[in-house]
């Protein structure tokens, strides 16, 4: 363990400083300043000898959190790098974009602020790359089996890396012109700079993983042709169908899905051509108070929007755990992301009932009522109707499932691809992992499913496997 007295002598939680808001709004760089190694060591020392480390269970990957905290406290970076990569292919992604369910399960969090697990994690991998400790892992044999992976998000990349290291020939097919899926085009640079993705892709190429970009299965190559060319296929397309609002005025210009706004912005930041939706000098309404809404907020503020208002249909969450969210579950609490520090207004109990437009078919505002709860449903309250002016409305309501038509696989009632407990779809030799089968979820679950489906495919091809299987298809929380 780390310092046996650390949690007693250091009872506060420290994170690296965020750059001043006026400065970071001038660019799209990550918001945190460089960390202080001594501060990191102090925070790692707070990890307790808690007997049963619930953080292991809070993390779907089963990260060895007390062990790598101990290594960083003792200054043993090589050991920390090895421990971290024993369970997580891409800690630089989870350390930046994961909401850290491990911290919610931290035993110290019962009566003190939790250990800064996420910050320790991302510091290990960044320092590991800088020190040259993270190198390609070349397979010691080639099996002769071939695997096609559809989709280059975190699930597809994790599955591909695991299977490549097991000696299989893996080809990742990506319909976009660059790799990374929503890691690249859905998450703004101020949360995840894209050189982190490129650095990991360079490692994967050196290990032997092959990539084919600008290849859409069902358009550039048929699904049947792909199946006949490979011994196994893994579908990791994500849940990319956005949830919509079937209300009046939805077809007005200026009412856009969040990804139609974020993706061109990310392309422009990468120096690529794109039809940018510019929020400059506009009054922006974001419907949806989750991570995607926060990403839209930070982007609109960097584009110099006149105002940005985020609407959530539910009540504002409490500042601390409620009795209905006991430790070590993930609580629903009021969250202040970096984008919320930068500006904008957050409104709760706001039910959008319609969009208002001008004679040119352009949105000019939205109609909103106060939310009330009737028979467990959230509905508008009569008599509370009012209008909010808007030049741009962004729908950040989450995603309903994968785009399923081109593959012809069976789907569940919830819209995801159906699969059994081995990740096998309705088609022989075709496996489904990540949000495509689970539904919209977290990046840590995506990587965990990528690792697990790799083990199942390895077993299918060779009759056995030594690859880890951190989660099952039906797991939703702690794995016992």
Protein backbone atom coordinates (compact mmCIF):
# COMPACT_ATOMS: atom_id res chain seq x y z
CA UNK A 1 0.00 0.00 0.00
CA UNK A 2 0.99 3.67 -0.03
CA UNK A 3 1.67 5.66 3.16
CA UNK A 4 -0.23 3.86 5.98
CA UNK A 5 -0.97 7.24 7.55
CA UNK A 6 -1.57 9.15 4.31
CA UNK A 7 -5.34 9.33 4.54
CA UNK A 8 -5.02 10.49 8.15
CA UNK A 9 -2.50 13.26 7.56
CA UNK A 10 -3.78 14.44 4.17
CA UNK A 11 -7.55 14.76 4.39
CA UNK A 12 -8.11 16.98 1.36
CA UNK A 13 -8.31 16.25 -2.34
CA UNK A 14 -6.02 18.08 -4.77
CA UNK A 15 -6.07 18.15 -8.55
CA UNK A 16 -3.87 20.05 -11.00
CA UNK A 17 -5.04 23.61 -11.56
CA UNK A 18 -7.20 24.38 -14.53
CA UNK A 19 -5.97 27.15 -16.79
CA UNK A 20 -7.71 30.51 -16.19
CA UNK A 21 -11.07 30.66 -17.93
CA UNK A 22 -10.33 33.77 -20.05
CA UNK A 23 -7.16 32.09 -21.33
CA UNK A 24 -8.57 28.66 -22.11
CA UNK A 25 -11.55 30.12 -23.96
CA UNK A 26 -9.05 31.42 -26.53
CA UNK A 27 -8.09 27.90 -27.65
CA UNK A 28 -9.16 24.24 -27.62
CA UNK A 29 -6.24 22.87 -25.63
CA UNK A 30 -6.88 20.67 -22.61
CA UNK A 31 -7.95 22.74 -19.64
CA UNK A 32 -5.53 21.40 -17.01
CA UNK A 33 -2.10 22.83 -16.34
CA UNK A 34 0.89 20.53 -15.92
CA UNK A 35 0.66 18.55 -12.70
CA UNK A 36 2.98 18.79 -9.70
CA UNK A 37 4.73 15.43 -9.10
CA UNK A 38 4.84 16.00 -5.36
CA UNK A 39 1.13 16.81 -5.26
CA UNK A 40 0.45 13.59 -7.16
CA UNK A 41 2.57 11.64 -4.69
CA UNK A 42 0.67 13.15 -1.77
CA UNK A 43 -2.65 12.24 -3.30
CA UNK A 44 -1.52 8.68 -4.11
CA UNK A 45 -0.51 8.32 -0.46
CA UNK A 46 -4.15 8.79 0.61
CA UNK A 47 -5.02 5.35 -0.81
CA UNK A 48 -5.91 3.18 2.18
CA UNK A 49 -5.10 -0.36 3.15
CA UNK A 50 -8.86 -0.86 3.13
CA UNK A 51 -8.94 -4.67 3.10
CA UNK A 52 -11.60 -4.92 0.40
CA UNK A 53 -10.77 -2.34 -2.30
CA UNK A 54 -14.20 -1.50 -3.67
CA UNK A 55 -12.55 0.66 -6.33
CA UNK A 56 -11.62 -2.62 -8.09
CA UNK A 57 -15.31 -3.42 -8.33
CA UNK A 58 -16.40 0.11 -9.19
CA UNK A 59 -14.20 -0.06 -12.29
CA UNK A 60 -15.55 -2.39 -15.03
CA UNK A 61 -11.95 -2.98 -16.11
CA UNK A 62 -10.94 -4.13 -12.64
CA UNK A 63 -8.02 -1.69 -12.58
CA UNK A 64 -5.42 -2.47 -9.90
CA UNK A 65 -5.90 0.88 -8.24
CA UNK A 66 -4.32 0.48 -4.77
CA UNK A 67 -1.35 -1.21 -6.41
CA UNK A 68 -0.62 1.56 -8.93
CA UNK A 69 -1.25 4.23 -6.28
CA UNK A 70 1.40 2.52 -4.14
CA UNK A 71 3.82 2.41 -7.06
CA UNK A 72 3.43 6.14 -7.75
CA UNK A 73 3.80 7.00 -4.08
CA UNK A 74 7.07 5.08 -4.03
CA UNK A 75 8.26 6.65 -7.29
CA UNK A 76 8.21 3.32 -9.15
CA UNK A 77 6.90 4.51 -12.51
CA UNK A 78 7.78 1.35 -14.52
CA UNK A 79 5.82 -0.80 -12.07
CA UNK A 80 2.90 1.64 -12.17
CA UNK A 81 2.87 1.52 -15.99
CA UNK A 82 2.83 -2.28 -15.99
CA UNK A 83 0.07 -2.47 -13.38
CA UNK A 84 -2.09 0.03 -15.25
CA UNK A 85 -1.74 -1.68 -18.62
CA UNK A 86 -2.42 -5.09 -17.13
CA UNK A 87 -6.13 -4.19 -17.14
CA UNK A 88 -6.55 -1.14 -19.37
CA UNK A 89 -5.43 -0.76 -22.98
CA UNK A 90 -5.99 3.00 -23.08
CA UNK A 91 -5.67 4.71 -19.69
CA UNK A 92 -4.95 8.03 -21.43
CA UNK A 93 -8.55 7.93 -22.70
CA UNK A 94 -10.26 6.82 -19.49
CA UNK A 95 -8.09 9.18 -17.44
CA UNK A 96 -9.51 12.07 -19.43
CA UNK A 97 -13.01 11.07 -20.55
CA UNK A 98 -14.26 8.58 -17.93
CA UNK A 99 -16.52 9.85 -15.09
CA UNK A 100 -14.54 7.62 -12.70
CA UNK A 101 -17.00 5.18 -11.09
CA UNK A 102 -13.92 3.90 -9.25
CA UNK A 103 -13.81 7.11 -7.24
CA UNK A 104 -17.48 6.76 -6.31
CA UNK A 105 -16.61 3.33 -4.88
CA UNK A 106 -13.48 4.48 -3.04
CA UNK A 107 -13.66 3.37 0.60
CA UNK A 108 -12.09 6.65 1.72
CA UNK A 109 -15.07 8.37 0.09
CA UNK A 110 -17.33 7.18 2.93
CA UNK A 111 -16.20 10.07 5.12
CA UNK A 112 -13.57 12.00 3.12
CA UNK A 113 -13.17 13.15 -0.48
CA UNK A 114 -12.19 10.12 -2.57
CA UNK A 115 -8.66 9.43 -3.74
CA UNK A 116 -7.85 11.19 -7.03
CA UNK A 117 -7.69 7.87 -8.87
CA UNK A 118 -8.41 9.29 -12.31
CA UNK A 119 -5.62 11.88 -12.05
CA UNK A 120 -3.11 9.30 -10.86
CA UNK A 121 -4.11 7.06 -13.77
CA UNK A 122 -3.64 9.67 -16.48
CA UNK A 123 -0.38 10.85 -14.92
CA UNK A 124 1.03 7.33 -15.02
CA UNK A 125 0.36 6.86 -18.72
CA UNK A 126 1.52 10.36 -19.71
CA UNK A 127 4.73 10.00 -17.73
CA UNK A 128 5.14 6.47 -19.07
CA UNK A 129 5.02 7.64 -22.68
CA UNK A 130 7.37 10.53 -21.92
CA UNK A 131 9.87 8.13 -20.34
CA UNK A 132 9.70 5.70 -23.26
CA UNK A 133 8.24 2.95 -21.07
CA UNK A 134 5.22 2.22 -23.29
CA UNK A 135 6.38 0.25 -26.30
CA UNK A 136 4.69 -2.03 -28.86
CA UNK A 137 3.93 -5.54 -27.64
CA UNK A 138 4.78 -7.78 -30.59
CA UNK A 139 3.09 -11.21 -30.67
CA UNK A 140 5.53 -14.10 -30.46
CA UNK A 141 3.57 -16.12 -33.04
CA UNK A 142 1.01 -15.62 -35.81
CA UNK A 143 -1.98 -17.95 -35.65
CA UNK A 144 -3.14 -17.59 -39.23
CA UNK A 145 -6.66 -16.56 -38.18
CA UNK A 146 -8.12 -13.28 -39.42
CA UNK A 147 -10.54 -10.96 -37.65
CA UNK A 148 -12.42 -7.94 -39.01
CA UNK A 149 -13.37 -5.19 -36.56
CA UNK A 150 -16.04 -2.70 -37.65
CA UNK A 151 -15.53 0.60 -35.89
CA UNK A 152 -12.42 2.27 -34.43
CA UNK A 153 -13.83 3.67 -31.21
CA UNK A 154 -12.52 2.49 -27.83
CA UNK A 155 -14.28 -0.89 -28.05
CA UNK A 156 -12.97 -1.69 -31.51
CA UNK A 157 -9.45 -0.54 -30.71
CA UNK A 158 -9.33 -2.52 -27.45
CA UNK A 159 -10.58 -5.69 -29.14
CA UNK A 160 -8.15 -5.23 -32.03
CA UNK A 161 -5.15 -4.71 -29.78
CA UNK A 162 -5.93 -7.73 -27.62
CA UNK A 163 -6.42 -10.03 -30.62
CA UNK A 164 -3.34 -8.71 -32.42
CA UNK A 165 -1.24 -9.44 -29.35
CA UNK A 166 -2.73 -12.94 -29.27
CA UNK A 167 -1.27 -13.50 -32.74
CA UNK A 168 -4.33 -13.03 -34.95
CA UNK A 169 -4.34 -10.84 -38.05
CA UNK A 170 -6.77 -7.99 -37.30
CA UNK A 171 -8.09 -5.40 -39.74
CA UNK A 172 -10.10 -2.46 -38.34
CA UNK A 173 -12.62 -0.93 -40.74
CA UNK A 174 -13.59 2.71 -40.13
CA UNK A 175 -16.05 4.66 -42.27
CA UNK A 176 -14.52 8.04 -41.36
CA UNK A 177 -11.30 9.21 -42.92
CA UNK A 178 -9.51 9.17 -39.57
CA UNK A 179 -9.49 6.67 -36.73
CA UNK A 180 -10.89 6.99 -33.23
CA UNK A 181 -14.67 7.16 -33.63
CA UNK A 182 -16.29 9.50 -31.12
CA UNK A 183 -12.97 9.79 -29.30
CA UNK A 184 -11.75 11.81 -32.27
CA UNK A 185 -14.84 13.51 -33.59
CA UNK A 186 -17.30 13.54 -30.68
CA UNK A 187 -15.11 14.71 -27.78
CA UNK A 188 -13.67 18.25 -28.04
CA UNK A 189 -9.94 18.78 -27.79
CA UNK A 190 -10.29 20.66 -24.51
CA UNK A 191 -11.20 17.30 -22.95
CA UNK A 192 -9.04 15.02 -25.11
CA UNK A 193 -6.35 16.32 -27.44
CA UNK A 194 -6.12 14.05 -30.44
CA UNK A 195 -2.38 13.47 -30.34
CA UNK A 196 -3.12 11.02 -27.52
CA UNK A 197 -5.13 8.91 -30.00
CA UNK A 198 -2.45 9.14 -32.70
CA UNK A 199 0.25 8.07 -30.27
CA UNK A 200 -1.65 4.92 -29.33
CA UNK A 201 -2.50 4.13 -32.96
CA UNK A 202 1.20 4.29 -33.77
CA UNK A 203 1.82 1.63 -31.12
CA UNK A 204 -0.98 -0.56 -32.52
CA UNK A 205 0.34 -0.33 -36.07
CA UNK A 206 3.79 -1.35 -34.84
CA UNK A 207 2.22 -4.36 -33.13
CA UNK A 208 0.63 -5.46 -36.41
CA UNK A 209 -2.96 -4.17 -36.32
CA UNK A 210 -4.10 -3.05 -39.75
CA UNK A 211 -6.49 -0.19 -40.43
CA UNK A 212 -8.74 0.64 -43.35
CA UNK A 213 -10.28 4.10 -43.23
CA UNK A 214 -13.07 5.57 -45.40
CA UNK A 215 -14.57 2.09 -45.66
CA UNK A 216 -18.23 1.87 -44.73
CA UNK A 217 -19.57 -1.65 -44.43
CA UNK A 218 -22.74 -1.86 -46.48
CA UNK A 219 -21.60 0.81 -48.93
CA UNK A 220 -17.94 0.28 -49.83
CA UNK A 221 -17.96 -3.42 -48.95
CA UNK A 222 -20.95 -5.66 -48.28
CA UNK A 223 -21.35 -7.28 -44.90
CA UNK A 224 -21.50 -10.70 -46.52
CA UNK A 225 -18.26 -10.06 -48.40
CA UNK A 226 -16.60 -9.04 -45.15
CA UNK A 227 -17.84 -12.16 -43.37
CA UNK A 228 -16.60 -14.42 -46.15
CA UNK A 229 -13.14 -12.79 -46.09
CA UNK A 230 -12.47 -13.19 -42.36
CA UNK A 231 -12.68 -15.98 -39.83
CA UNK A 232 -14.57 -13.74 -37.37
CA UNK A 233 -16.15 -10.29 -37.37
CA UNK A 234 -16.63 -7.97 -34.39
CA UNK A 235 -19.21 -5.19 -34.67
CA UNK A 236 -18.14 -2.18 -32.61
CA UNK A 237 -20.07 0.58 -34.35
CA UNK A 238 -21.26 2.29 -31.19
CA UNK A 239 -24.71 3.74 -30.53
CA UNK A 240 -24.75 6.63 -32.97
CA UNK A 241 -28.47 7.16 -33.62
CA UNK A 242 -29.36 10.35 -31.70
CA UNK A 243 -32.54 10.70 -29.67
CA UNK A 244 -34.90 13.23 -31.23
CA UNK A 245 -37.81 15.43 -30.11
CA UNK A 246 -41.09 14.93 -31.93
CA UNK A 247 -42.53 18.38 -31.23
CA UNK A 248 -43.68 21.32 -33.32
CA UNK A 249 -41.03 23.23 -35.25
CA UNK A 250 -38.48 20.42 -35.16
CA UNK A 251 -37.73 20.90 -38.88
CA UNK A 252 -36.70 24.54 -38.49
CA UNK A 253 -33.20 25.52 -39.59
CA UNK A 254 -30.95 25.97 -36.59
CA UNK A 255 -32.31 23.00 -34.62
CA UNK A 256 -29.43 20.52 -34.76
CA UNK A 257 -28.31 17.30 -33.17
CA UNK A 258 -25.32 17.78 -30.91
CA UNK A 259 -23.03 15.61 -33.02
CA UNK A 260 -23.88 17.61 -36.14
CA UNK A 261 -22.40 20.53 -34.21
CA UNK A 262 -19.44 18.88 -32.46
CA UNK A 263 -18.07 16.77 -35.31
CA UNK A 264 -17.43 19.67 -37.76
CA UNK A 265 -15.92 21.71 -34.93
CA UNK A 266 -13.47 18.90 -34.16
CA UNK A 267 -12.64 18.55 -37.84
CA UNK A 268 -11.87 22.25 -38.14
CA UNK A 269 -9.62 22.10 -35.07
CA UNK A 270 -7.74 19.25 -36.78
CA UNK A 271 -7.26 21.39 -39.89
CA UNK A 272 -9.77 19.42 -41.93
CA UNK A 273 -12.43 20.95 -44.21
CA UNK A 274 -15.89 20.95 -42.68
CA UNK A 275 -19.18 22.85 -42.82
CA UNK A 276 -18.90 24.46 -39.41
CA UNK A 277 -22.01 25.41 -37.44
CA UNK A 278 -20.75 28.62 -35.86
CA UNK A 279 -22.32 29.90 -32.64
CA UNK A 280 -20.57 33.28 -32.81
CA UNK A 281 -22.88 36.07 -31.56
CA UNK A 282 -25.81 33.65 -31.34
CA UNK A 283 -28.11 32.84 -28.47
CA UNK A 284 -27.64 29.11 -28.03
CA UNK A 285 -29.97 26.67 -26.25
CA UNK A 286 -28.67 23.22 -25.37
CA UNK A 287 -31.35 20.67 -24.51
CA UNK A 288 -29.79 17.97 -22.36
CA UNK A 289 -27.61 18.34 -19.29
CA UNK A 290 -25.16 15.45 -19.70
CA UNK A 291 -21.58 15.16 -20.93
CA UNK A 292 -22.49 15.88 -24.54
CA UNK A 293 -24.36 19.00 -23.48
CA UNK A 294 -21.30 20.15 -21.55
CA UNK A 295 -19.14 19.55 -24.63
CA UNK A 296 -21.53 21.71 -26.68
CA UNK A 297 -21.39 24.41 -23.99
CA UNK A 298 -17.59 24.59 -23.98
CA UNK A 299 -17.50 24.66 -27.78
CA UNK A 300 -20.14 27.41 -28.09
CA UNK A 301 -18.32 29.57 -25.54
CA UNK A 302 -15.07 29.19 -27.50
CA UNK A 303 -16.96 30.27 -30.62
CA UNK A 304 -18.00 33.47 -28.78
CA UNK A 305 -21.71 32.78 -28.50
CA UNK A 306 -23.79 35.71 -27.24
CA UNK A 307 -25.35 33.47 -24.60
CA UNK A 308 -25.65 29.76 -23.85
CA UNK A 309 -28.44 28.19 -21.83
CA UNK A 310 -28.55 24.51 -20.95
CA UNK A 311 -31.97 23.00 -20.22
CA UNK A 312 -32.56 19.80 -18.27
CA UNK A 313 -36.02 18.30 -17.95
CA UNK A 314 -35.38 16.93 -14.45
CA UNK A 315 -34.66 18.56 -11.12
CA UNK A 316 -31.20 19.78 -10.17
CA UNK A 317 -29.35 16.89 -8.50
CA UNK A 318 -28.27 17.25 -4.87
CA UNK A 319 -24.76 18.39 -4.00
CA UNK A 320 -24.08 15.20 -2.01
CA UNK A 321 -25.20 11.56 -2.06
CA UNK A 322 -28.82 11.01 -1.20
CA UNK A 323 -30.11 8.04 0.80
CA UNK A 324 -31.25 6.46 -2.48
CA UNK A 325 -27.65 6.49 -3.80
CA UNK A 326 -25.65 4.86 -1.00
CA UNK A 327 -21.93 4.22 -1.17
CA UNK A 328 -20.43 2.50 -3.20
CA UNK A 329 -22.95 3.00 -6.02
CA UNK A 330 -22.58 5.79 -8.57
CA UNK A 331 -24.56 8.69 -7.12
CA UNK A 332 -26.61 11.20 -9.04
CA UNK A 333 -25.12 14.46 -7.80
CA UNK A 334 -24.73 17.98 -9.14
CA UNK A 335 -21.66 18.05 -11.35
CA UNK A 336 -19.58 21.04 -12.38
CA UNK A 337 -17.47 20.20 -15.42
CA UNK A 338 -14.82 22.54 -16.77
CA UNK A 339 -17.28 23.90 -19.34
CA UNK A 340 -19.71 24.93 -16.60
CA UNK A 341 -16.97 27.05 -15.02
CA UNK A 342 -16.54 28.94 -18.27
CA UNK A 343 -20.00 30.47 -18.57
CA UNK A 344 -23.55 29.82 -19.59
CA UNK A 345 -26.76 29.32 -17.63
CA UNK A 346 -28.14 25.99 -16.39
CA UNK A 347 -31.88 25.58 -15.96
CA UNK A 348 -33.69 22.58 -14.50
CA UNK A 349 -37.29 21.33 -14.57
CA UNK A 350 -37.53 22.73 -18.10
CA UNK A 351 -39.82 20.86 -20.51
CA UNK A 352 -39.43 21.95 -24.12
CA UNK A 353 -42.83 21.87 -25.83
CA UNK A 354 -42.06 23.43 -29.21
CA UNK A 355 -39.71 25.39 -31.43
CA UNK A 356 -40.57 28.82 -32.84
CA UNK A 357 -39.36 30.15 -36.17
CA UNK A 358 -39.55 33.11 -38.56
CA UNK A 359 -40.93 33.39 -42.08
CA UNK A 360 -37.68 32.05 -43.53
CA UNK A 361 -38.00 28.81 -41.58
CA UNK A 362 -35.25 29.73 -39.15
CA UNK A 363 -35.51 29.00 -35.44
CA UNK A 364 -35.97 32.09 -33.27
CA UNK A 365 -36.85 30.55 -29.94
CA UNK A 366 -38.26 27.64 -27.99
CA UNK A 367 -41.39 27.20 -25.91
CA UNK A 368 -40.74 25.88 -22.42
CA UNK A 369 -42.89 24.87 -19.46
CA UNK A 370 -42.00 23.87 -15.93
CA UNK A 371 -41.72 20.12 -15.45
CA UNK A 372 -44.03 18.28 -13.11
CA UNK A 373 -44.12 14.59 -12.24
CA UNK A 374 -47.37 12.73 -12.91
CA UNK A 375 -47.52 8.96 -12.31
CA UNK A 376 -43.73 8.84 -12.48
CA UNK A 377 -43.63 10.70 -15.80
CA UNK A 378 -42.17 14.13 -16.43
CA UNK A 379 -44.75 16.32 -18.15
CA UNK A 380 -45.19 20.08 -18.75
CA UNK A 381 -47.12 22.02 -16.13
CA UNK A 382 -50.10 23.90 -17.63
CA UNK A 383 -49.98 27.64 -17.16
CA UNK A 384 -46.18 27.85 -16.95
CA UNK A 385 -45.52 28.25 -20.67
CA UNK A 386 -42.97 30.84 -21.71
CA UNK A 387 -40.57 31.49 -24.58
CA UNK A 388 -36.77 31.66 -24.66
CA UNK A 389 -35.11 33.36 -27.62
CA UNK A 390 -32.67 31.22 -29.57
CA UNK A 391 -30.68 31.41 -32.79
CA UNK A 392 -29.25 27.90 -32.44
CA UNK A 393 -30.74 24.91 -30.60
CA UNK A 394 -28.62 21.81 -29.95
CA UNK A 395 -30.23 18.49 -29.03
CA UNK A 396 -27.95 16.62 -26.62
CA UNK A 397 -30.42 13.94 -25.57
CA UNK A 398 -28.23 10.87 -25.83
CA UNK A 399 -28.36 8.01 -28.31
CA UNK A 400 -30.93 5.30 -28.93
CA UNK A 401 -28.77 2.61 -30.55
CA UNK A 402 -26.59 1.64 -33.51
CA UNK A 403 -27.28 2.19 -37.19
CA UNK A 404 -28.43 -1.33 -37.89
CA UNK A 405 -29.85 -1.50 -41.43
CA UNK A 406 -26.64 -2.29 -43.35
CA UNK A 407 -25.68 -5.31 -41.26
CA UNK A 408 -29.00 -7.13 -41.09
CA UNK A 409 -28.43 -8.42 -37.56
CA UNK A 410 -31.24 -9.00 -35.07
CA UNK A 411 -31.90 -6.12 -32.69
CA UNK A 412 -33.39 -5.96 -29.21
CA UNK A 413 -36.51 -4.06 -28.24
CA UNK A 414 -34.20 -1.28 -27.05
CA UNK A 415 -32.61 -0.91 -30.49
CA UNK A 416 -29.21 -2.50 -29.79
CA UNK A 417 -27.85 -5.50 -31.64
CA UNK A 418 -28.90 -8.71 -29.91
CA UNK A 419 -26.18 -11.02 -28.62
CA UNK A 420 -25.75 -13.94 -26.25
CA UNK A 421 -23.54 -14.23 -23.18
CA UNK A 422 -20.50 -14.84 -25.42
CA UNK A 423 -21.09 -11.58 -27.38
CA UNK A 424 -22.21 -13.68 -30.38
CA UNK A 425 -24.83 -12.00 -32.57
CA UNK A 426 -27.62 -13.64 -34.56
CA UNK A 427 -25.10 -14.39 -37.34
CA UNK A 428 -22.49 -17.17 -36.93
CA UNK A 429 -18.99 -15.86 -36.37
CA UNK A 430 -20.21 -12.27 -35.88
CA UNK A 431 -19.74 -10.74 -32.44
CA UNK A 432 -21.10 -7.48 -31.01
CA UNK A 433 -19.45 -5.38 -28.30
CA UNK A 434 -19.60 -1.92 -26.77
CA UNK A 435 -22.46 0.51 -27.15
CA UNK A 436 -23.66 -1.35 -30.27
CA UNK A 437 -24.79 -4.18 -27.98
CA UNK A 438 -24.95 -2.58 -24.53
CA UNK A 439 -26.55 0.70 -25.51
CA UNK A 440 -25.17 4.12 -24.69
CA UNK A 441 -22.62 3.73 -21.91
CA UNK A 442 -19.24 4.90 -20.61
CA UNK A 443 -15.82 4.71 -22.24
CA UNK A 444 -14.60 2.41 -19.45
CA UNK A 445 -17.38 -0.07 -20.27
CA UNK A 446 -16.49 0.21 -23.96
CA UNK A 447 -12.88 -0.80 -23.33
CA UNK A 448 -13.93 -3.54 -20.91
CA UNK A 449 -16.28 -5.05 -23.50
CA UNK A 450 -13.58 -4.78 -26.16
CA UNK A 451 -11.24 -6.82 -23.98
CA UNK A 452 -13.97 -9.34 -23.15
CA UNK A 453 -15.15 -9.88 -26.71
CA UNK A 454 -11.51 -10.40 -27.76
CA UNK A 455 -11.31 -13.31 -25.32
CA UNK A 456 -14.50 -14.83 -26.72
CA UNK A 457 -13.28 -14.51 -30.31
CA UNK A 458 -9.90 -15.96 -29.38
CA UNK A 459 -11.68 -18.93 -27.77
CA UNK A 460 -13.89 -19.33 -30.87
CA UNK A 461 -10.86 -19.39 -33.17
CA UNK A 462 -8.45 -21.50 -31.15
CA UNK A 463 -10.59 -23.44 -28.67
CA UNK A 464 -9.19 -21.70 -25.58
CA UNK A 465 -7.97 -18.29 -24.45
CA UNK A 466 -5.66 -16.64 -21.97
CA UNK A 467 -7.07 -13.17 -22.62
CA UNK A 468 -8.89 -11.47 -19.71
CA UNK A 469 -12.68 -11.14 -19.63
CA UNK A 470 -13.44 -8.28 -17.24
CA UNK A 471 -17.19 -8.00 -17.91
CA UNK A 472 -20.11 -10.03 -19.19
CA UNK A 473 -22.83 -8.86 -21.53
CA UNK A 474 -25.37 -8.63 -18.70
CA UNK A 475 -23.17 -6.86 -16.17
CA UNK A 476 -24.42 -3.41 -15.22
CA UNK A 477 -22.36 -2.56 -12.17
CA UNK A 478 -20.22 -4.40 -9.67
CA UNK A 479 -18.93 -7.76 -10.90
CA UNK A 480 -18.82 -10.23 -7.98
